[in-house]
Amino acid sequence: MKDVAARAGVSLGTVSNVLNRPERVSPATRERVESAIAELGFVRNESARHLRSGRSRSLAYVVLDAANPFFTDVAAGVQHGADAAGLATYLCDCGGDAGRQARYLDLLAEQRVQGVLVTPVDDADARLQSLPRRGTPVVVVDRRAGPTHCSVTVDDVTGGALAVGHLVELGHERIAVVGGPATLGQVADRVTGARAALEHAGRDPEDLVVLETAGLTVAEGRRAGERLAGLPARRRPTGVFCANDLLALGLLQRSVHWGLRVPDDLAIVGYDDIEFAEAAAVPLTSVAQPRDLLGRTAVDLLLAEVAAGDGHEHRQVVFDPELVVRASTIVPGRSVSA
């Protein structure tokens, strides 16, 4: 910085202002300093800056499972929001492992990031409470949070009701929900919404067949397809709501393998509306979530908390889902009431 100041003919304080508070420096002086920086190839020591300020110019998103395209789309929204704020982003993939989540949260606390966005594997991890007390805000993504955190999510109860309500409207009597584990809050809420749709239609919500899976993956969807295909036709559900699109795509693949016609023999609804849903061999009806908006909003909530400090009031932002109807539930050219 001394070399830059000497080359530009300004003080060290002016160089610091150009780097950190450029609005305080006149355009002509700023241009002279920036030219000196370029000529000398100067790169500021960000680690030293961290030591002085006690905070890095970065945030982190701790992802439940980066193998799921839903979360990579949310992460893209996080990146867009961080870029706009001039922050770097750490992306930490837990892969559904609570132990890995704990290790990441400890490491991020050491790194003194601006804050942590997290879709938790383990909601009960004490670190989620201790980090804010130690000055690192935490925003919960794709999950409702209690009064101690900001959160951003989609109304999954409404989403489940949209999916099963659509199947009821199409005239399906035997309806199943595929998804799990049941301990995941999103899955539980979607099943609650599915039962509510049956009740709203004047039917017994306990008639809903729930096939719990070990995870929300294509492989688990295939296994569910095997179980359904093995049922006698008179007992087999004719409409299935899957708790996410990966399950639905696996179910679709296995159903076609067993000679079931989609949607004539089996109508399938997914959740998330990832890019692959529309590109499937039979385009998938799905409940859409605003994935990019979830990520951007999470960053906005985090930055607002950082700026407000102790005076911050936590917010819980909930978006509405939207049903996107495609060929996996309606035969092209056939009306909904047919």
Protein backbone atom coordinates (compact mmCIF):
# COMPACT_ATOMS: atom_id res chain seq x y z
CA MET A 1 0.00 0.00 0.00
CA LYS A 2 2.96 2.31 0.64
CA ASP A 3 4.17 1.68 -2.92
CA VAL A 4 0.70 2.42 -4.30
CA ALA A 5 0.45 5.63 -2.27
CA ALA A 6 3.88 6.76 -3.47
CA ARG A 7 3.10 5.96 -7.13
CA ALA A 8 -0.25 7.81 -6.96
CA GLY A 9 1.08 10.70 -4.86
CA VAL A 10 -1.51 10.25 -2.10
CA SER A 11 -1.59 9.21 1.56
CA LEU A 12 -1.97 5.67 2.89
CA GLY A 13 -5.39 6.69 4.20
CA THR A 14 -6.52 7.63 0.69
CA VAL A 15 -5.43 4.24 -0.67
CA SER A 16 -7.35 2.55 2.17
CA ASN A 17 -10.46 4.58 1.33
CA VAL A 18 -10.25 3.64 -2.34
CA LEU A 19 -10.10 -0.03 -1.35
CA ASN A 20 -12.78 0.05 1.35
CA ARG A 21 -14.84 3.26 1.05
CA PRO A 22 -14.40 4.47 -2.54
CA GLU A 23 -17.38 6.84 -2.29
CA ARG A 24 -15.27 9.05 0.01
CA VAL A 25 -12.65 9.69 -2.67
CA SER A 26 -13.01 12.07 -5.62
CA PRO A 27 -13.26 10.36 -9.04
CA ALA A 28 -9.96 11.86 -10.23
CA THR A 29 -8.01 10.72 -7.16
CA ARG A 30 -9.69 7.30 -7.21
CA GLU A 31 -8.71 6.82 -10.85
CA ARG A 32 -5.08 7.75 -10.04
CA VAL A 33 -4.94 5.24 -7.19
CA GLU A 34 -6.59 2.50 -9.26
CA SER A 35 -4.08 3.10 -12.05
CA ALA A 36 -1.21 2.72 -9.56
CA ILE A 37 -2.76 -0.50 -8.24
CA ALA A 38 -2.98 -1.89 -11.78
CA GLU A 39 0.57 -0.84 -12.69
CA LEU A 40 2.08 -2.38 -9.57
CA GLY A 41 -0.08 -5.51 -9.64
CA PHE A 42 -1.14 -4.84 -6.04
CA VAL A 43 -3.41 -7.42 -4.35
CA ARG A 44 -4.61 -6.61 -0.87
CA ASN A 45 -3.90 -9.04 1.97
CA GLU A 46 -7.42 -10.16 2.83
CA SER A 47 -6.22 -12.28 5.75
CA ALA A 48 -4.66 -9.25 7.39
CA ARG A 49 -7.87 -7.33 6.79
CA HIS A 50 -9.80 -10.09 8.56
CA LEU A 51 -7.53 -9.75 11.58
CA ARG A 52 -8.20 -6.00 11.76
CA SER A 53 -11.95 -6.12 11.14
CA GLY A 54 -12.73 -9.44 12.84
CA ARG A 55 -14.95 -10.44 9.91
CA SER A 56 -14.31 -11.87 6.44
CA ARG A 57 -15.88 -10.74 3.17
CA SER A 58 -17.64 -14.07 2.71
CA LEU A 59 -20.71 -16.04 3.66
CA ALA A 60 -21.46 -19.75 3.57
CA TYR A 61 -24.31 -21.98 2.48
CA VAL A 62 -24.37 -25.36 4.23
CA VAL A 63 -26.39 -27.55 1.85
CA LEU A 64 -28.39 -30.61 2.85
CA ASP A 65 -27.44 -32.51 -0.32
CA ALA A 66 -25.71 -30.92 -3.31
CA ALA A 67 -26.51 -34.02 -5.42
CA ASN A 68 -30.11 -32.79 -5.49
CA PRO A 69 -30.51 -30.19 -8.31
CA PHE A 70 -33.02 -28.30 -6.15
CA PHE A 71 -30.26 -27.31 -3.74
CA THR A 72 -27.78 -26.42 -6.48
CA ASP A 73 -30.43 -24.09 -7.93
CA VAL A 74 -30.93 -22.50 -4.49
CA ALA A 75 -27.14 -22.21 -4.19
CA ALA A 76 -27.08 -20.34 -7.52
CA GLY A 77 -29.51 -17.83 -6.01
CA VAL A 78 -27.26 -17.52 -2.96
CA GLN A 79 -24.31 -16.87 -5.26
CA HIS A 80 -26.21 -14.18 -7.16
CA GLY A 81 -27.12 -12.43 -3.92
CA ALA A 82 -23.58 -12.66 -2.54
CA ASP A 83 -22.07 -11.39 -5.80
CA ALA A 84 -24.34 -8.34 -5.69
CA ALA A 85 -23.08 -7.61 -2.17
CA GLY A 86 -19.42 -8.10 -3.12
CA LEU A 87 -19.04 -11.22 -0.99
CA ALA A 88 -17.46 -14.60 -1.72
CA THR A 89 -19.47 -17.76 -1.05
CA TYR A 90 -18.44 -21.02 0.58
CA LEU A 91 -20.62 -23.95 -0.48
CA CYS A 92 -20.54 -26.81 2.04
CA ASP A 93 -22.26 -30.08 1.10
CA CYS A 94 -23.40 -32.18 4.08
CA GLY A 95 -24.61 -35.06 1.91
CA GLY A 96 -27.28 -35.75 4.52
CA ASP A 97 -24.63 -36.36 7.22
CA ALA A 98 -25.28 -34.63 10.57
CA GLY A 99 -21.66 -35.13 11.64
CA ARG A 100 -20.43 -33.34 8.54
CA GLN A 101 -22.85 -30.49 9.24
CA ALA A 102 -21.37 -30.11 12.72
CA ARG A 103 -17.80 -30.02 11.38
CA TYR A 104 -18.68 -27.41 8.77
CA LEU A 105 -20.37 -25.15 11.32
CA ASP A 106 -17.31 -25.30 13.58
CA LEU A 107 -14.98 -24.53 10.67
CA LEU A 108 -17.11 -21.61 9.46
CA ALA A 109 -17.16 -20.10 12.95
CA GLU A 110 -13.34 -20.17 12.88
CA GLN A 111 -13.32 -18.52 9.45
CA ARG A 112 -15.39 -15.60 10.82
CA VAL A 113 -17.73 -15.53 7.84
CA GLN A 114 -20.35 -12.77 7.65
CA GLY A 115 -23.00 -15.38 8.34
CA VAL A 116 -24.22 -18.89 7.59
CA LEU A 117 -27.15 -20.02 5.48
CA VAL A 118 -28.13 -23.60 6.25
CA THR A 119 -30.62 -26.26 5.22
CA PRO A 120 -30.03 -28.40 8.30
CA VAL A 121 -29.67 -32.15 8.41
CA ASP A 122 -30.00 -31.90 12.20
CA ASP A 123 -32.28 -29.12 13.47
CA ALA A 124 -31.26 -29.93 17.05
CA ASP A 125 -27.54 -29.19 16.51
CA ALA A 126 -26.64 -26.79 19.33
CA ARG A 127 -24.29 -24.91 16.98
CA LEU A 128 -27.28 -23.42 15.19
CA GLN A 129 -28.06 -21.58 18.44
CA SER A 130 -24.51 -20.88 19.60
CA LEU A 131 -23.24 -19.33 16.35
CA PRO A 132 -25.55 -16.26 16.54
CA ARG A 133 -24.69 -15.79 20.22
CA ARG A 134 -21.03 -15.64 19.18
CA GLY A 135 -21.73 -13.05 16.49
CA THR A 136 -22.27 -15.19 13.37
CA PRO A 137 -25.88 -14.89 12.13
CA VAL A 138 -27.63 -18.03 10.88
CA VAL A 139 -30.48 -18.05 8.34
CA VAL A 140 -32.41 -21.28 7.83
CA VAL A 141 -33.21 -22.10 4.18
CA ASP A 142 -36.04 -24.35 2.93
CA ARG A 143 -37.20 -24.91 6.48
CA ARG A 144 -39.31 -22.94 8.94
CA ALA A 145 -37.27 -21.69 11.88
CA GLY A 146 -38.18 -20.75 15.40
CA PRO A 147 -37.97 -17.24 16.86
CA THR A 148 -34.17 -17.37 17.19
CA HIS A 149 -33.43 -17.35 13.43
CA CYS A 150 -34.56 -15.78 10.19
CA SER A 151 -35.80 -18.31 7.67
CA VAL A 152 -37.04 -18.56 4.09
CA THR A 153 -39.11 -21.43 2.78
CA VAL A 154 -42.09 -22.45 0.67
CA ASP A 155 -45.45 -23.44 2.15
CA ASP A 156 -45.04 -27.21 1.83
CA VAL A 157 -48.45 -27.98 3.32
CA THR A 158 -50.04 -25.99 0.50
CA GLY A 159 -47.70 -27.70 -1.99
CA GLY A 160 -48.80 -31.17 -0.88
CA ALA A 161 -52.43 -30.11 -1.07
CA LEU A 162 -51.94 -28.78 -4.61
CA ALA A 163 -50.41 -32.06 -5.77
CA VAL A 164 -53.03 -34.40 -4.32
CA GLY A 165 -55.88 -32.01 -5.04
CA HIS A 166 -54.87 -32.22 -8.69
CA LEU A 167 -55.00 -36.03 -8.59
CA VAL A 168 -58.39 -35.95 -6.87
CA GLU A 169 -59.70 -33.55 -9.52
CA LEU A 170 -58.57 -35.99 -12.19
CA GLY A 171 -60.75 -38.66 -10.56
CA HIS A 172 -58.12 -40.86 -8.90
CA GLU A 173 -59.53 -42.95 -6.05
CA ARG A 174 -56.35 -44.76 -4.96
CA ILE A 175 -53.61 -42.22 -4.24
CA ALA A 176 -50.17 -42.74 -2.72
CA VAL A 177 -47.48 -40.44 -1.40
CA VAL A 178 -43.85 -41.49 -1.82
CA GLY A 179 -41.18 -39.80 0.28
CA GLY A 180 -39.02 -39.89 3.35
CA PRO A 181 -37.57 -40.15 5.80
CA ALA A 182 -40.59 -38.88 7.73
CA THR A 183 -38.27 -37.00 10.09
CA LEU A 184 -37.58 -34.44 7.35
CA GLY A 185 -39.85 -31.49 8.05
CA GLN A 186 -40.48 -30.80 4.38
CA VAL A 187 -41.69 -34.37 3.78
CA ALA A 188 -43.94 -34.33 6.85
CA ASP A 189 -45.52 -31.02 5.75
CA ARG A 190 -46.15 -32.30 2.22
CA VAL A 191 -47.85 -35.42 3.56
CA THR A 192 -49.96 -33.23 5.85
CA GLY A 193 -51.03 -31.18 2.84
CA ALA A 194 -51.83 -34.34 0.87
CA ARG A 195 -54.13 -35.60 3.62
CA ALA A 196 -55.76 -32.17 3.88
CA ALA A 197 -56.60 -32.29 0.16
CA LEU A 198 -58.39 -35.62 0.60
CA GLU A 199 -60.29 -34.30 3.59
CA HIS A 200 -61.28 -31.18 1.64
CA ALA A 201 -62.68 -33.47 -1.06
CA GLY A 202 -64.84 -35.23 1.52
CA ARG A 203 -62.70 -38.35 1.64
CA ASP A 204 -60.98 -40.10 4.52
CA PRO A 205 -57.42 -38.73 4.76
CA GLU A 206 -56.33 -42.11 6.17
CA ASP A 207 -57.08 -43.62 2.75
CA LEU A 208 -53.83 -42.07 1.57
CA VAL A 209 -51.15 -44.73 1.04
CA VAL A 210 -47.78 -43.50 2.35
CA LEU A 211 -44.66 -45.27 1.08
CA GLU A 212 -41.76 -44.02 3.19
CA THR A 213 -38.33 -43.97 1.55
CA ALA A 214 -34.85 -43.83 3.05
CA GLY A 215 -34.03 -40.67 1.09
CA LEU A 216 -35.12 -38.33 -1.67
CA THR A 217 -33.15 -39.87 -4.53
CA VAL A 218 -33.76 -41.38 -7.96
CA ALA A 219 -32.70 -44.79 -6.62
CA GLU A 220 -35.31 -44.61 -3.87
CA GLY A 221 -37.89 -43.66 -6.49
CA ARG A 222 -36.99 -46.78 -8.47
CA ARG A 223 -37.42 -48.92 -5.35
CA ALA A 224 -40.84 -47.37 -4.74
CA GLY A 225 -41.71 -48.14 -8.36
CA GLU A 226 -40.81 -51.78 -7.80
CA ARG A 227 -43.11 -51.92 -4.77
CA LEU A 228 -46.01 -50.34 -6.64
CA ALA A 229 -45.56 -52.42 -9.77
CA GLY A 230 -45.64 -55.58 -7.67
CA LEU A 231 -49.12 -54.82 -6.31
CA PRO A 232 -52.23 -56.40 -7.88
CA ALA A 233 -53.86 -53.99 -10.33
CA ARG A 234 -57.00 -53.71 -8.17
CA ARG A 235 -54.91 -52.47 -5.21
CA ARG A 236 -52.29 -50.45 -7.04
CA PRO A 237 -52.63 -46.66 -6.66
CA THR A 238 -53.49 -44.92 -9.93
CA GLY A 239 -52.11 -41.56 -8.75
CA VAL A 240 -48.83 -40.95 -6.93
CA PHE A 241 -47.45 -37.79 -5.37
CA CYS A 242 -43.67 -37.92 -4.83
CA ALA A 243 -42.07 -35.66 -2.22
CA ASN A 244 -39.53 -34.45 -4.77
CA ASP A 245 -38.77 -34.70 -8.47
CA LEU A 246 -35.86 -37.12 -8.09
CA LEU A 247 -38.18 -39.68 -6.51
CA ALA A 248 -40.75 -39.01 -9.23
CA LEU A 249 -38.18 -39.52 -12.00
CA GLY A 250 -37.04 -42.82 -10.50
CA LEU A 251 -40.65 -43.93 -10.11
CA LEU A 252 -41.41 -42.91 -13.69
CA GLN A 253 -38.43 -44.86 -15.00
CA ARG A 254 -39.33 -48.04 -13.14
CA SER A 255 -43.03 -47.78 -14.01
CA VAL A 256 -42.26 -47.57 -17.73
CA HIS A 257 -39.89 -50.54 -17.32
CA TRP A 258 -42.77 -52.61 -15.92
CA GLY A 259 -45.06 -51.64 -18.79
CA LEU A 260 -47.25 -49.19 -16.88
CA ARG A 261 -48.51 -46.36 -19.05
CA VAL A 262 -48.04 -42.87 -17.61
CA PRO A 263 -50.48 -41.28 -17.01
CA ASP A 264 -53.14 -43.82 -18.15
CA ASP A 265 -52.18 -46.52 -15.64
CA LEU A 266 -50.28 -44.33 -13.20
CA ALA A 267 -50.34 -40.54 -12.90
CA ILE A 268 -47.26 -39.04 -11.22
CA VAL A 269 -46.74 -35.65 -9.56
CA GLY A 270 -43.31 -34.49 -8.38
CA TYR A 271 -42.12 -31.57 -6.27
CA ASP A 272 -39.54 -28.79 -6.87
CA ASP A 273 -39.92 -28.52 -10.68
CA ILE A 274 -36.21 -28.97 -11.35
CA GLU A 275 -34.98 -28.65 -14.94
CA PHE A 276 -35.06 -32.41 -15.48
CA ALA A 277 -38.80 -32.55 -14.70
CA GLU A 278 -39.80 -30.97 -18.00
CA ALA A 279 -37.07 -32.84 -19.89
CA ALA A 280 -38.19 -36.33 -18.77
CA ALA A 281 -39.38 -38.89 -21.33
CA VAL A 282 -42.87 -38.18 -20.03
CA PRO A 283 -42.73 -34.51 -18.92
CA LEU A 284 -43.38 -34.43 -15.21
CA THR A 285 -46.18 -32.54 -13.48
CA SER A 286 -44.56 -30.90 -10.49
CA VAL A 287 -45.09 -28.43 -7.65
CA ALA A 288 -42.71 -25.57 -8.41
CA GLN A 289 -40.63 -23.77 -5.81
CA PRO A 290 -38.92 -20.42 -6.57
CA ARG A 291 -35.44 -21.84 -6.07
CA ASP A 292 -33.33 -18.85 -7.15
CA LEU A 293 -35.56 -16.51 -5.14
CA LEU A 294 -35.14 -18.66 -2.04
CA GLY A 295 -31.36 -18.25 -2.28
CA ARG A 296 -31.43 -14.52 -2.97
CA THR A 297 -33.90 -13.87 -0.16
CA ALA A 298 -31.79 -15.85 2.29
CA VAL A 299 -28.80 -13.60 1.50
CA ASP A 300 -30.96 -10.46 1.91
CA LEU A 301 -32.13 -11.66 5.33
CA LEU A 302 -28.57 -12.41 6.39
CA LEU A 303 -27.18 -9.05 5.28
CA ALA A 304 -30.05 -7.22 6.99
CA GLU A 305 -29.22 -9.04 10.24
CA VAL A 306 -25.52 -8.20 9.94
CA ALA A 307 -26.33 -4.52 9.35
CA ALA A 308 -28.86 -4.24 12.17
CA GLY A 309 -26.78 -5.94 14.84
CA ASP A 310 -28.48 -6.29 18.22
CA GLY A 311 -31.53 -4.35 17.01
CA HIS A 312 -32.43 -6.99 14.41
CA GLU A 313 -35.87 -8.62 14.43
CA HIS A 314 -36.00 -12.09 12.93
CA ARG A 315 -38.27 -12.69 9.93
CA GLN A 316 -39.79 -15.87 8.57
CA VAL A 317 -40.44 -15.50 4.83
CA VAL A 318 -42.80 -18.06 3.27
CA PHE A 319 -43.44 -18.24 -0.49
CA ASP A 320 -46.38 -19.94 -2.17
CA PRO A 321 -45.72 -22.95 -4.45
CA GLU A 322 -47.29 -23.38 -7.88
CA LEU A 323 -48.55 -26.49 -9.65
CA VAL A 324 -47.09 -26.97 -13.14
CA VAL A 325 -49.19 -29.52 -15.06
CA ARG A 326 -47.55 -31.69 -17.71
CA ALA A 327 -48.05 -35.03 -19.45
CA SER A 328 -47.34 -37.28 -16.43
CA THR A 329 -50.86 -36.57 -15.13
CA ILE A 330 -52.88 -35.43 -18.15
CA VAL A 331 -52.96 -37.10 -21.54
CA PRO A 332 -52.32 -34.40 -24.18
CA GLY A 333 -55.62 -33.22 -25.61
CA ARG A 334 -57.68 -34.57 -22.72
CA SER A 335 -59.46 -32.13 -20.41
CA VAL A 336 -58.85 -32.15 -16.64
CA SER A 337 -62.42 -33.29 -15.90
CA ALA A 338 -62.23 -36.24 -18.32
